[in-house]
Amino acid sequence: MTKRQIAYLACTAAITVSGLGAAPSADHRTVHRVYPGQSIQKAVNAAKPGDTILLSPGTYRESVSITVPGLTLRGSGARPTVIVPGPASADSACAKAGHGVCVTGTDKRRVAGVSVRSLTLRGFKKNGLWASGTDRLLVEGVTSEKNGQWGLAQERSVRGLFLHNVAEANGDAGLFLGNTVDAEEGALDAKGAVLSHNRLLGNRIGVTVRRLRNVTVDHNEATGNCTAVFVVGDENKPITGALKVRHNYIHTNNKYCPKTARLPFLQGSGIVLTGVEDSVVAGNRVEDNVGKSPMSGGIVLAKNFKGALNQRIDVRDNVALRNSTADLAVQDTGKGNTFRHNMCAVSEPAGMC
């Protein structure tokens, strides 16, 4: 037997899947292969930090809870691998809450380094993916569609990466990042969270960033939503800010969404900031967003319902055209906001184009 044959057999042995699909790799991490009809949660429960749960093509009917650091949950591609709600009798906290995949740590002990990749989450009552108390969560190549509230959502977390995902036809935001959903607190430092190269289609809001600092939203496409990008701050301190909204393609977000207890009806809004400080909106292409909502328009510094002001927002090098009621709009009295080198036709007040 040649050295090459010996090396090949050794490599093959390292990745062979046996029994329930567990096999050690060269660095003693394990790949747990799951097939349709088998339990993803059972494989997760057997996994150790650094392991991978690899889903074969097919449909899986369950909710999945992850608390193991460094775990990867990976499908065989978003189209072939679909997770949908399981039996109504499911007793896990994730299933009872109406979520598809839950990644959960705590404020004191965040679960770190989890990855969710290459699968679809569809039709959950609440959120396709719900993450709380995480550090360096990676969500990549995931489609989250037709979920009741948010497609992909994260709170109380830092350094999250949401890359190359599709969020479509979700009840509220396709992508939601916030400080917390159950308390009134100041903005959390997200420590460089990134939302990049995602597609947001037909949601109520494409991307919501709420009460956070140090987040980048770049190179995303949003169309067919009521509002494409909504950056939300309020009177609490620290103030929402140190954000970058750059190089996004935002067009024809003209779906109508009725008012809520906190917001007026939404329609025809591109990028909306409310109660935000020290942030940059640059290099975006914002076109054909048309509506008659108080926040309709291309790039809008909106009046906050609690009186918080937008301050020191740098709006520059954007192309904003054919938006109504204006391509650029300032609705509050915040100080230090600048508009430079934008291509637009109509601004409110006049003179910013």
Protein backbone atom coordinates (compact mmCIF):
# COMPACT_ATOMS: atom_id res chain seq x y z
CA MET A 1 0.00 0.00 0.00
CA THR A 2 1.39 3.38 -0.96
CA LYS A 3 1.80 6.34 1.41
CA ARG A 4 -0.89 8.17 -0.56
CA GLN A 5 -3.35 5.28 -0.07
CA ILE A 6 -2.58 5.14 3.65
CA ALA A 7 -3.17 8.89 3.97
CA TYR A 8 -6.45 8.63 2.08
CA LEU A 9 -7.73 5.83 4.31
CA ALA A 10 -6.75 7.77 7.43
CA CYS A 11 -8.60 10.83 6.22
CA THR A 12 -11.67 8.76 5.34
CA ALA A 13 -11.71 7.16 8.78
CA ALA A 14 -11.57 10.59 10.40
CA ILE A 15 -14.80 11.76 8.76
CA THR A 16 -16.82 8.55 8.61
CA VAL A 17 -20.20 8.90 10.27
CA SER A 18 -21.43 5.93 12.28
CA GLY A 19 -24.34 5.03 14.56
CA LEU A 20 -26.22 8.29 15.21
CA GLY A 21 -23.77 10.05 12.95
CA ALA A 22 -20.96 10.93 15.37
CA ALA A 23 -17.35 10.65 14.30
CA PRO A 24 -14.23 12.36 15.64
CA SER A 25 -12.18 14.52 13.30
CA ALA A 26 -8.44 15.01 13.49
CA ASP A 27 -8.75 17.57 16.30
CA HIS A 28 -11.23 15.38 18.26
CA ARG A 29 -14.26 17.46 17.37
CA THR A 30 -17.28 15.50 16.31
CA VAL A 31 -19.69 15.74 13.38
CA HIS A 32 -23.18 14.53 14.26
CA ARG A 33 -25.11 13.77 11.07
CA VAL A 34 -28.90 13.97 11.35
CA TYR A 35 -31.39 12.65 8.79
CA PRO A 36 -35.05 13.59 8.28
CA GLY A 37 -37.15 11.82 10.89
CA GLN A 38 -34.34 11.92 13.44
CA SER A 39 -34.14 14.48 16.24
CA ILE A 40 -31.88 17.50 15.80
CA GLN A 41 -32.29 18.27 19.50
CA LYS A 42 -31.05 14.81 20.48
CA ALA A 43 -27.86 15.41 18.50
CA VAL A 44 -27.44 18.87 20.05
CA ASN A 45 -27.85 17.41 23.53
CA ALA A 46 -25.09 14.89 22.81
CA ALA A 47 -22.72 17.50 21.38
CA LYS A 48 -19.71 19.07 23.04
CA PRO A 49 -18.17 22.52 22.45
CA GLY A 50 -16.77 22.74 18.93
CA ASP A 51 -18.94 19.96 17.48
CA THR A 52 -21.01 20.25 14.29
CA ILE A 53 -24.60 19.14 13.78
CA LEU A 54 -24.88 18.40 10.05
CA LEU A 55 -28.40 18.14 8.66
CA SER A 56 -29.02 16.05 5.58
CA PRO A 57 -31.47 17.42 2.99
CA GLY A 58 -35.09 17.20 4.04
CA THR A 59 -37.74 18.71 6.30
CA TYR A 60 -37.40 18.65 10.09
CA ARG A 61 -40.42 19.29 12.31
CA GLU A 62 -39.19 20.63 15.63
CA SER A 63 -37.71 23.55 17.50
CA VAL A 64 -34.03 23.43 18.45
CA SER A 65 -32.41 24.91 21.56
CA ILE A 66 -28.64 25.52 21.63
CA THR A 67 -26.69 26.36 24.79
CA VAL A 68 -23.39 24.66 23.88
CA PRO A 69 -20.58 27.12 23.06
CA GLY A 70 -18.79 26.72 19.77
CA LEU A 71 -21.50 24.50 18.30
CA THR A 72 -22.29 24.65 14.58
CA LEU A 73 -25.77 23.79 13.28
CA ARG A 74 -25.44 23.45 9.52
CA GLY A 75 -27.85 22.37 6.86
CA SER A 76 -27.12 21.10 3.37
CA GLY A 77 -28.20 24.40 1.84
CA ALA A 78 -31.16 26.66 2.53
CA ARG A 79 -33.42 25.17 -0.13
CA PRO A 80 -32.79 21.48 0.64
CA THR A 81 -32.84 21.78 4.46
CA VAL A 82 -35.99 23.14 6.08
CA ILE A 83 -37.01 23.36 9.75
CA VAL A 84 -40.72 23.93 10.42
CA PRO A 85 -42.82 23.80 13.62
CA GLY A 86 -43.17 20.43 15.26
CA PRO A 87 -46.04 18.90 17.21
CA ALA A 88 -48.09 21.25 19.37
CA SER A 89 -47.32 18.98 22.31
CA ALA A 90 -43.57 19.76 22.20
CA ASP A 91 -42.47 20.71 25.69
CA SER A 92 -39.20 22.60 25.12
CA ALA A 93 -39.05 26.27 26.12
CA CYS A 94 -38.03 27.20 22.58
CA ALA A 95 -41.04 25.43 21.07
CA LYS A 96 -43.44 26.81 23.68
CA ALA A 97 -42.23 30.34 22.92
CA GLY A 98 -42.94 29.77 19.22
CA HIS A 99 -39.34 29.98 17.96
CA GLY A 100 -37.53 27.80 15.44
CA VAL A 101 -33.92 27.84 16.66
CA CYS A 102 -32.98 29.31 20.05
CA VAL A 103 -29.39 30.17 21.02
CA THR A 104 -29.41 31.09 24.66
CA GLY A 105 -26.91 32.26 27.25
CA THR A 106 -27.11 34.81 30.06
CA ASP A 107 -25.80 38.31 30.74
CA LYS A 108 -23.16 36.88 33.06
CA ARG A 109 -22.27 33.88 30.90
CA ARG A 110 -22.88 34.45 27.22
CA VAL A 111 -22.82 31.40 24.98
CA ALA A 112 -19.94 32.05 22.57
CA GLY A 113 -19.03 31.04 19.05
CA VAL A 114 -22.24 29.33 17.93
CA SER A 115 -22.90 29.14 14.18
CA VAL A 116 -26.19 28.53 12.37
CA ARG A 117 -25.74 28.07 8.63
CA SER A 118 -27.27 26.94 5.35
CA LEU A 119 -30.88 26.09 6.23
CA THR A 120 -34.42 27.48 6.16
CA LEU A 121 -36.62 28.37 9.15
CA ARG A 122 -40.25 28.65 8.14
CA GLY A 123 -43.64 29.26 9.64
CA PHE A 124 -42.90 29.65 13.34
CA LYS A 125 -45.44 31.48 15.48
CA LYS A 126 -42.85 33.91 16.89
CA ASN A 127 -39.29 34.02 15.46
CA GLY A 128 -37.36 31.88 13.04
CA LEU A 129 -34.17 32.30 15.07
CA TRP A 130 -34.08 33.79 18.55
CA ALA A 131 -30.75 34.52 20.27
CA SER A 132 -30.21 35.98 23.72
CA GLY A 133 -27.01 36.27 25.73
CA THR A 134 -24.62 35.38 22.90
CA ASP A 135 -21.10 36.37 21.89
CA ARG A 136 -19.86 36.04 18.30
CA LEU A 137 -22.98 34.30 17.03
CA LEU A 138 -22.66 33.66 13.28
CA VAL A 139 -25.84 33.30 11.22
CA GLU A 140 -24.94 32.73 7.57
CA GLY A 141 -26.80 31.51 4.52
CA VAL A 142 -30.07 31.11 6.44
CA THR A 143 -33.50 31.77 4.94
CA SER A 144 -36.12 32.77 7.51
CA GLU A 145 -39.58 33.23 6.08
CA LYS A 146 -43.24 33.52 7.03
CA ASN A 147 -42.59 33.69 10.76
CA GLY A 148 -45.04 35.54 12.99
CA GLN A 149 -42.72 38.20 14.38
CA TRP A 150 -39.02 38.36 13.47
CA GLY A 151 -37.09 36.33 10.97
CA LEU A 152 -33.68 36.43 12.67
CA ALA A 153 -33.50 38.16 16.05
CA GLN A 154 -30.95 38.82 18.77
CA GLU A 155 -30.92 40.64 22.12
CA ARG A 156 -28.44 41.10 24.99
CA SER A 157 -25.65 39.98 22.70
CA VAL A 158 -22.33 41.18 21.31
CA ARG A 159 -20.22 40.75 18.17
CA GLY A 160 -22.94 38.98 16.21
CA LEU A 161 -22.47 38.39 12.48
CA PHE A 162 -25.51 38.06 10.19
CA LEU A 163 -24.22 37.41 6.67
CA HIS A 164 -25.77 36.38 3.34
CA ASN A 165 -29.20 35.57 4.80
CA VAL A 166 -32.67 35.97 3.31
CA ALA A 167 -35.55 37.18 5.50
CA GLU A 168 -38.88 37.24 3.72
CA ALA A 169 -42.53 37.82 4.62
CA ASN A 170 -42.04 37.92 8.38
CA GLY A 171 -44.64 39.64 10.56
CA ASP A 172 -42.32 42.34 11.87
CA ALA A 173 -38.60 42.75 11.15
CA GLY A 174 -36.72 40.40 8.88
CA LEU A 175 -33.58 41.10 10.92
CA PHE A 176 -33.88 42.45 14.47
CA LEU A 177 -31.01 43.39 16.78
CA GLY A 178 -31.80 45.04 20.09
CA ASN A 179 -30.55 45.60 23.60
CA THR A 180 -33.43 43.83 25.35
CA VAL A 181 -37.06 43.17 24.61
CA ASP A 182 -38.41 42.99 28.17
CA ALA A 183 -37.05 46.08 29.96
CA GLU A 184 -36.45 49.81 29.48
CA GLU A 185 -32.67 50.16 29.37
CA GLY A 186 -30.04 52.29 27.68
CA ALA A 187 -28.27 51.24 24.50
CA LEU A 188 -26.07 48.16 24.73
CA ASP A 189 -22.58 48.22 23.18
CA ALA A 190 -22.84 45.48 20.55
CA LYS A 191 -19.04 45.58 20.13
CA GLY A 192 -19.00 45.58 16.35
CA ALA A 193 -22.03 43.51 15.35
CA VAL A 194 -22.40 43.31 11.56
CA LEU A 195 -25.40 42.79 9.28
CA SER A 196 -24.05 42.41 5.75
CA HIS A 197 -25.10 41.07 2.33
CA ASN A 198 -28.57 40.07 3.50
CA ARG A 199 -31.78 40.28 1.45
CA LEU A 200 -34.89 41.62 3.21
CA LEU A 201 -38.08 41.05 1.25
CA GLY A 202 -41.72 41.76 2.06
CA ASN A 203 -41.40 42.13 5.82
CA ARG A 204 -42.99 44.86 7.91
CA ILE A 205 -39.47 46.24 8.47
CA GLY A 206 -36.41 44.92 6.69
CA VAL A 207 -33.83 45.62 9.43
CA THR A 208 -34.50 46.99 12.91
CA VAL A 209 -31.59 48.07 15.11
CA ARG A 210 -33.00 49.11 18.47
CA ARG A 211 -31.12 50.67 21.40
CA LEU A 212 -27.66 49.53 20.39
CA ARG A 213 -24.24 51.03 19.81
CA ASN A 214 -21.42 49.89 17.53
CA VAL A 215 -23.37 48.11 14.79
CA THR A 216 -22.68 48.12 11.04
CA VAL A 217 -25.47 47.58 8.49
CA ASP A 218 -23.87 47.35 5.06
CA HIS A 219 -24.29 45.89 1.56
CA ASN A 220 -27.82 44.65 2.18
CA GLU A 221 -30.76 44.76 -0.22
CA ALA A 222 -34.22 45.64 1.07
CA THR A 223 -37.32 45.78 -1.11
CA GLY A 224 -41.05 45.24 -0.73
CA ASN A 225 -41.06 46.04 2.98
CA CYS A 226 -43.05 48.82 4.64
CA THR A 227 -39.79 50.30 5.96
CA ALA A 228 -36.37 49.09 4.86
CA VAL A 229 -34.01 50.08 7.72
CA PHE A 230 -35.24 51.43 11.05
CA VAL A 231 -32.67 52.56 13.64
CA VAL A 232 -34.41 53.24 16.93
CA GLY A 233 -33.21 55.15 19.98
CA ASP A 234 -34.94 56.85 22.88
CA GLU A 235 -34.32 58.97 25.95
CA ASN A 236 -32.50 56.26 27.92
CA LYS A 237 -28.73 56.42 28.36
CA PRO A 238 -26.37 55.35 26.92
CA ILE A 239 -27.95 56.73 23.76
CA THR A 240 -28.27 54.68 20.58
CA GLY A 241 -25.35 55.58 18.32
CA ALA A 242 -21.90 54.91 16.86
CA LEU A 243 -23.69 53.12 14.02
CA LYS A 244 -22.83 52.76 10.34
CA VAL A 245 -25.48 52.30 7.63
CA ARG A 246 -23.49 52.01 4.42
CA HIS A 247 -23.65 50.79 0.83
CA ASN A 248 -27.14 49.29 1.02
CA TYR A 249 -29.53 49.03 -1.93
CA ILE A 250 -32.96 50.08 -0.72
CA HIS A 251 -35.75 50.31 -3.25
CA THR A 252 -39.54 50.20 -3.56
CA ASN A 253 -40.40 49.56 0.06
CA ASN A 254 -44.03 50.53 -0.47
CA LYS A 255 -45.96 47.87 1.39
CA TYR A 256 -48.62 49.28 3.75
CA CYS A 257 -48.50 48.34 7.44
CA PRO A 258 -51.09 49.65 9.92
CA LYS A 259 -50.18 51.68 12.98
CA THR A 260 -49.23 50.13 16.31
CA ALA A 261 -49.24 51.40 19.89
CA ARG A 262 -45.79 52.92 19.33
CA LEU A 263 -45.67 53.78 15.64
CA PRO A 264 -47.89 55.36 12.99
CA PHE A 265 -48.71 53.39 9.89
CA LEU A 266 -45.64 52.59 7.80
CA GLN A 267 -45.23 52.81 4.05
CA GLY A 268 -42.59 54.02 1.64
CA SER A 269 -39.70 54.49 4.09
CA GLY A 270 -36.09 53.80 3.15
CA ILE A 271 -33.70 54.53 6.03
CA VAL A 272 -35.26 55.97 9.20
CA LEU A 273 -33.30 57.12 12.26
CA THR A 274 -35.00 58.25 15.44
CA GLY A 275 -33.24 59.24 18.67
CA VAL A 276 -29.75 58.38 17.38
CA GLU A 277 -26.38 60.10 17.86
CA ASP A 278 -22.91 60.09 16.28
CA SER A 279 -23.70 57.82 13.34
CA VAL A 280 -22.99 57.62 9.61
CA VAL A 281 -25.40 57.01 6.72
CA ALA A 282 -23.18 56.83 3.64
CA GLY A 283 -22.95 55.40 0.15
CA ASN A 284 -26.47 53.97 0.06
CA ARG A 285 -28.72 53.81 -3.00
CA VAL A 286 -32.27 54.64 -1.89
CA GLU A 287 -34.88 54.77 -4.65
CA ASP A 288 -38.64 54.68 -5.29
CA ASN A 289 -39.82 54.47 -1.71
CA VAL A 290 -43.22 56.17 -1.80
CA GLY A 291 -45.88 56.63 0.85
CA LYS A 292 -47.81 59.10 2.96
CA SER A 293 -46.76 57.94 6.41
CA PRO A 294 -45.17 60.55 8.73
CA MET A 295 -41.91 58.66 8.17
CA SER A 296 -42.19 58.15 4.41
CA GLY A 297 -39.19 59.15 2.33
CA GLY A 298 -35.71 58.12 1.31
CA ILE A 299 -33.47 58.96 4.29
CA VAL A 300 -35.46 60.34 7.22
CA LEU A 301 -34.29 61.73 10.55
CA ALA A 302 -37.63 61.23 12.23
CA LYS A 303 -39.26 62.75 15.28
CA ASN A 304 -39.06 60.34 18.20
CA PHE A 305 -42.36 59.72 20.00
CA LYS A 306 -40.59 60.27 23.35
CA GLY A 307 -38.80 63.41 22.22
CA ALA A 308 -35.29 61.96 21.77
CA LEU A 309 -33.33 63.83 19.06
CA ASN A 310 -31.10 62.74 16.23
CA GLN A 311 -27.75 64.45 16.77
CA ARG A 312 -24.47 64.51 14.85
CA ILE A 313 -25.66 62.25 12.04
CA ASP A 314 -23.39 62.36 8.97
CA VAL A 315 -25.47 61.72 5.83
CA ARG A 316 -23.15 61.69 2.82
CA ASP A 317 -22.45 60.24 -0.61
CA ASN A 318 -25.90 58.66 -0.96
CA VAL A 319 -28.04 58.42 -4.09
CA ALA A 320 -31.63 59.11 -3.02
CA LEU A 321 -34.10 59.55 -5.88
CA ARG A 322 -37.85 59.33 -6.53
CA ASN A 323 -38.73 58.95 -2.88
CA SER A 324 -41.84 60.57 -1.44
CA THR A 325 -42.53 62.69 0.41
CA ALA A 326 -38.83 63.60 0.12
CA ASP A 327 -35.49 62.03 -0.74
CA LEU A 328 -33.91 63.53 2.40
CA ALA A 329 -35.97 64.68 5.38
CA VAL A 330 -35.21 66.13 8.81
CA GLN A 331 -38.21 66.21 11.14
CA ASP A 332 -36.66 67.02 14.52
CA THR A 333 -34.49 69.79 15.98
CA GLY A 334 -31.35 67.81 16.75
CA LYS A 335 -28.00 69.56 16.42
CA GLY A 336 -24.91 68.78 14.37
CA ASN A 337 -26.55 66.74 11.59
CA THR A 338 -24.78 67.15 8.23
CA PHE A 339 -25.74 66.37 4.64
CA ARG A 340 -22.86 66.23 2.14
CA HIS A 341 -22.42 65.13 -1.45
CA ASN A 342 -25.79 63.39 -1.76
CA MET A 343 -27.55 63.02 -5.08
CA CYS A 344 -31.23 63.82 -4.56
CA ALA A 345 -34.07 65.90 -6.01
CA VAL A 346 -36.29 66.87 -3.09
CA SER A 347 -35.44 67.57 0.53
CA GLU A 348 -37.41 68.72 3.57
CA PRO A 349 -36.42 71.35 4.49
CA ALA A 350 -35.21 72.49 1.09
CA GLY A 351 -31.54 73.02 0.37
CA MET A 352 -30.01 69.68 1.41
CA CYS A 353 -29.70 68.27 -2.11
